[in-house]
Amino acid sequence: MCMRQLPEGTVTFVFTDIEGSTRLLRTLGNHYRDALEDQRTILRDAFTSHGGVEVDTQGDAFFVAFSPPERHCKAAIRGQRALAEHP
């Protein structure tokens, strides 16, 4: 098993969650899985492109660590914009 190199020094943690995911699941039905995969791909790209290290993922939630801490803002903005532009 490959161990991730976790950030050291001053670290910022980002936690995400899809607001209203239960309602979204009911609305999308079988298409929810595709939407969730798209969300994961978009956010992983945003996080890794700014040096984020994925600590954990459960359901629709992410736990990501950043160092230096200012990187988390750029990653969050990139992720939000990409999700907003996604059909």
C-alpha atoms as a PDB file:
ATOM      1  CA  MET A   1       0.000   0.000   0.000  1.00  0.00           C
ATOM      2  CA  CYS A   2       1.329   3.435  -0.967  1.00  0.00           C
ATOM      3  CA  MET A   3       1.300   6.056   1.790  1.00  0.00           C
ATOM      4  CA  ARG A   4       0.494   9.679   0.938  1.00  0.00           C
ATOM      5  CA  GLN A   5       2.916  12.363   1.984  1.00  0.00           C
ATOM      6  CA  LEU A   6       0.826  14.563   4.273  1.00  0.00           C
ATOM      7  CA  PRO A   7       1.616  18.275   4.484  1.00  0.00           C
ATOM      8  CA  GLU A   8       3.709  19.552   7.365  1.00  0.00           C
ATOM      9  CA  GLY A   9       4.009  22.896   9.120  1.00  0.00           C
ATOM     10  CA  THR A  10       0.981  25.150   8.988  1.00  0.00           C
ATOM     11  CA  VAL A  11      -1.787  23.103   7.380  1.00  0.00           C
ATOM     12  CA  THR A  12      -5.295  24.087   6.303  1.00  0.00           C
ATOM     13  CA  PHE A  13      -8.042  21.489   6.098  1.00  0.00           C
ATOM     14  CA  VAL A  14     -10.907  21.649   3.621  1.00  0.00           C
ATOM     15  CA  PHE A  15     -14.076  19.656   4.164  1.00  0.00           C
ATOM     16  CA  THR A  16     -16.746  19.465   1.456  1.00  0.00           C
ATOM     17  CA  ASP A  17     -20.291  18.179   1.305  1.00  0.00           C
ATOM     18  CA  ILE A  18     -23.057  18.350  -1.305  1.00  0.00           C
ATOM     19  CA  GLU A  19     -25.848  20.468   0.129  1.00  0.00           C
ATOM     20  CA  GLY A  20     -29.165  18.644  -0.152  1.00  0.00           C
ATOM     21  CA  SER A  21     -27.597  15.405  -1.376  1.00  0.00           C
ATOM     22  CA  THR A  22     -30.489  13.249  -0.157  1.00  0.00           C
ATOM     23  CA  ARG A  23     -32.966  15.397  -2.077  1.00  0.00           C
ATOM     24  CA  LEU A  24     -30.650  15.327  -5.098  1.00  0.00           C
ATOM     25  CA  LEU A  25     -30.474  11.529  -4.908  1.00  0.00           C
ATOM     26  CA  ARG A  26     -34.275  11.320  -4.948  1.00  0.00           C
ATOM     27  CA  THR A  27     -34.485  13.747  -7.868  1.00  0.00           C
ATOM     28  CA  LEU A  28     -31.757  12.178 -10.029  1.00  0.00           C
ATOM     29  CA  GLY A  29     -32.402   8.541  -9.126  1.00  0.00           C
ATOM     30  CA  ASN A  30     -30.021   6.305 -11.067  1.00  0.00           C
ATOM     31  CA  HIS A  31     -28.236   9.366 -12.515  1.00  0.00           C
ATOM     32  CA  TYR A  32     -27.037  10.434  -9.073  1.00  0.00           C
ATOM     33  CA  ARG A  33     -24.045   8.098  -9.322  1.00  0.00           C
ATOM     34  CA  ASP A  34     -22.895   9.837 -12.535  1.00  0.00           C
ATOM     35  CA  ALA A  35     -23.339  13.268 -10.953  1.00  0.00           C
ATOM     36  CA  LEU A  36     -21.363  12.155  -7.904  1.00  0.00           C
ATOM     37  CA  GLU A  37     -18.519  10.822 -10.066  1.00  0.00           C
ATOM     38  CA  ASP A  38     -18.429  14.127 -11.982  1.00  0.00           C
ATOM     39  CA  GLN A  39     -18.311  16.047  -8.689  1.00  0.00           C
ATOM     40  CA  ARG A  40     -15.455  13.888  -7.410  1.00  0.00           C
ATOM     41  CA  THR A  41     -13.463  14.288 -10.627  1.00  0.00           C
ATOM     42  CA  ILE A  42     -13.933  18.066 -10.687  1.00  0.00           C
ATOM     43  CA  LEU A  43     -12.998  18.574  -7.045  1.00  0.00           C
ATOM     44  CA  ARG A  44     -10.035  16.183  -7.128  1.00  0.00           C
ATOM     45  CA  ASP A  45      -8.652  18.093 -10.109  1.00  0.00           C
ATOM     46  CA  ALA A  46      -9.091  21.415  -8.303  1.00  0.00           C
ATOM     47  CA  PHE A  47      -7.519  20.126  -5.093  1.00  0.00           C
ATOM     48  CA  THR A  48      -4.535  18.340  -6.630  1.00  0.00           C
ATOM     49  CA  SER A  49      -3.787  21.199  -9.035  1.00  0.00           C
ATOM     50  CA  HIS A  50      -3.167  23.391  -5.967  1.00  0.00           C
ATOM     51  CA  GLY A  51      -1.197  20.855  -3.944  1.00  0.00           C
ATOM     52  CA  GLY A  52      -4.037  19.460  -1.858  1.00  0.00           C
ATOM     53  CA  VAL A  53      -3.636  16.010  -0.341  1.00  0.00           C
ATOM     54  CA  GLU A  54      -6.813  13.958  -0.087  1.00  0.00           C
ATOM     55  CA  VAL A  55      -6.979  12.581   3.439  1.00  0.00           C
ATOM     56  CA  ASP A  56     -10.383  10.913   3.233  1.00  0.00           C
ATOM     57  CA  THR A  57     -13.533  10.680   1.137  1.00  0.00           C
ATOM     58  CA  GLN A  58     -16.870   9.345   2.301  1.00  0.00           C
ATOM     59  CA  GLY A  59     -20.031   9.487   0.236  1.00  0.00           C
ATOM     60  CA  ASP A  60     -20.126  12.952  -1.304  1.00  0.00           C
ATOM     61  CA  ALA A  61     -17.666  14.476   1.203  1.00  0.00           C
ATOM     62  CA  PHE A  62     -13.955  15.242   0.895  1.00  0.00           C
ATOM     63  CA  PHE A  63     -11.318  15.909   3.557  1.00  0.00           C
ATOM     64  CA  VAL A  64      -8.247  17.552   2.004  1.00  0.00           C
ATOM     65  CA  ALA A  65      -5.100  19.078   3.558  1.00  0.00           C
ATOM     66  CA  PHE A  66      -3.134  22.012   2.125  1.00  0.00           C
ATOM     67  CA  SER A  67       0.226  23.557   2.921  1.00  0.00           C
ATOM     68  CA  PRO A  68       1.000  26.360   2.517  1.00  0.00           C
ATOM     69  CA  PRO A  69      -2.484  27.265   3.700  1.00  0.00           C
ATOM     70  CA  GLU A  70      -3.251  29.898   1.058  1.00  0.00           C
ATOM     71  CA  ARG A  71      -3.504  27.184  -1.594  1.00  0.00           C
ATOM     72  CA  HIS A  72      -6.856  26.039  -0.239  1.00  0.00           C
ATOM     73  CA  CYS A  73      -8.560  29.281  -1.321  1.00  0.00           C
ATOM     74  CA  LYS A  74      -7.444  28.904  -4.928  1.00  0.00           C
ATOM     75  CA  ALA A  75      -8.476  25.245  -4.945  1.00  0.00           C
ATOM     76  CA  ALA A  76     -11.907  26.008  -3.473  1.00  0.00           C
ATOM     77  CA  ILE A  77     -12.539  28.792  -5.971  1.00  0.00           C
ATOM     78  CA  ARG A  78     -11.451  26.612  -8.873  1.00  0.00           C
ATOM     79  CA  GLY A  79     -13.685  23.775  -7.678  1.00  0.00           C
ATOM     80  CA  GLN A  80     -16.716  26.012  -7.167  1.00  0.00           C
ATOM     81  CA  ARG A  81     -16.339  27.608 -10.596  1.00  0.00           C
ATOM     82  CA  ALA A  82     -15.889  24.251 -12.315  1.00  0.00           C
ATOM     83  CA  LEU A  83     -18.965  22.822 -10.570  1.00  0.00           C
ATOM     84  CA  ALA A  84     -21.015  25.923 -11.485  1.00  0.00           C
ATOM     85  CA  GLU A  85     -20.027  25.563 -15.157  1.00  0.00           C
ATOM     86  CA  HIS A  86     -20.769  21.824 -15.247  1.00  0.00           C
ATOM     87  CA  PRO A  87     -24.101  20.844 -16.804  1.00  0.00           C
END
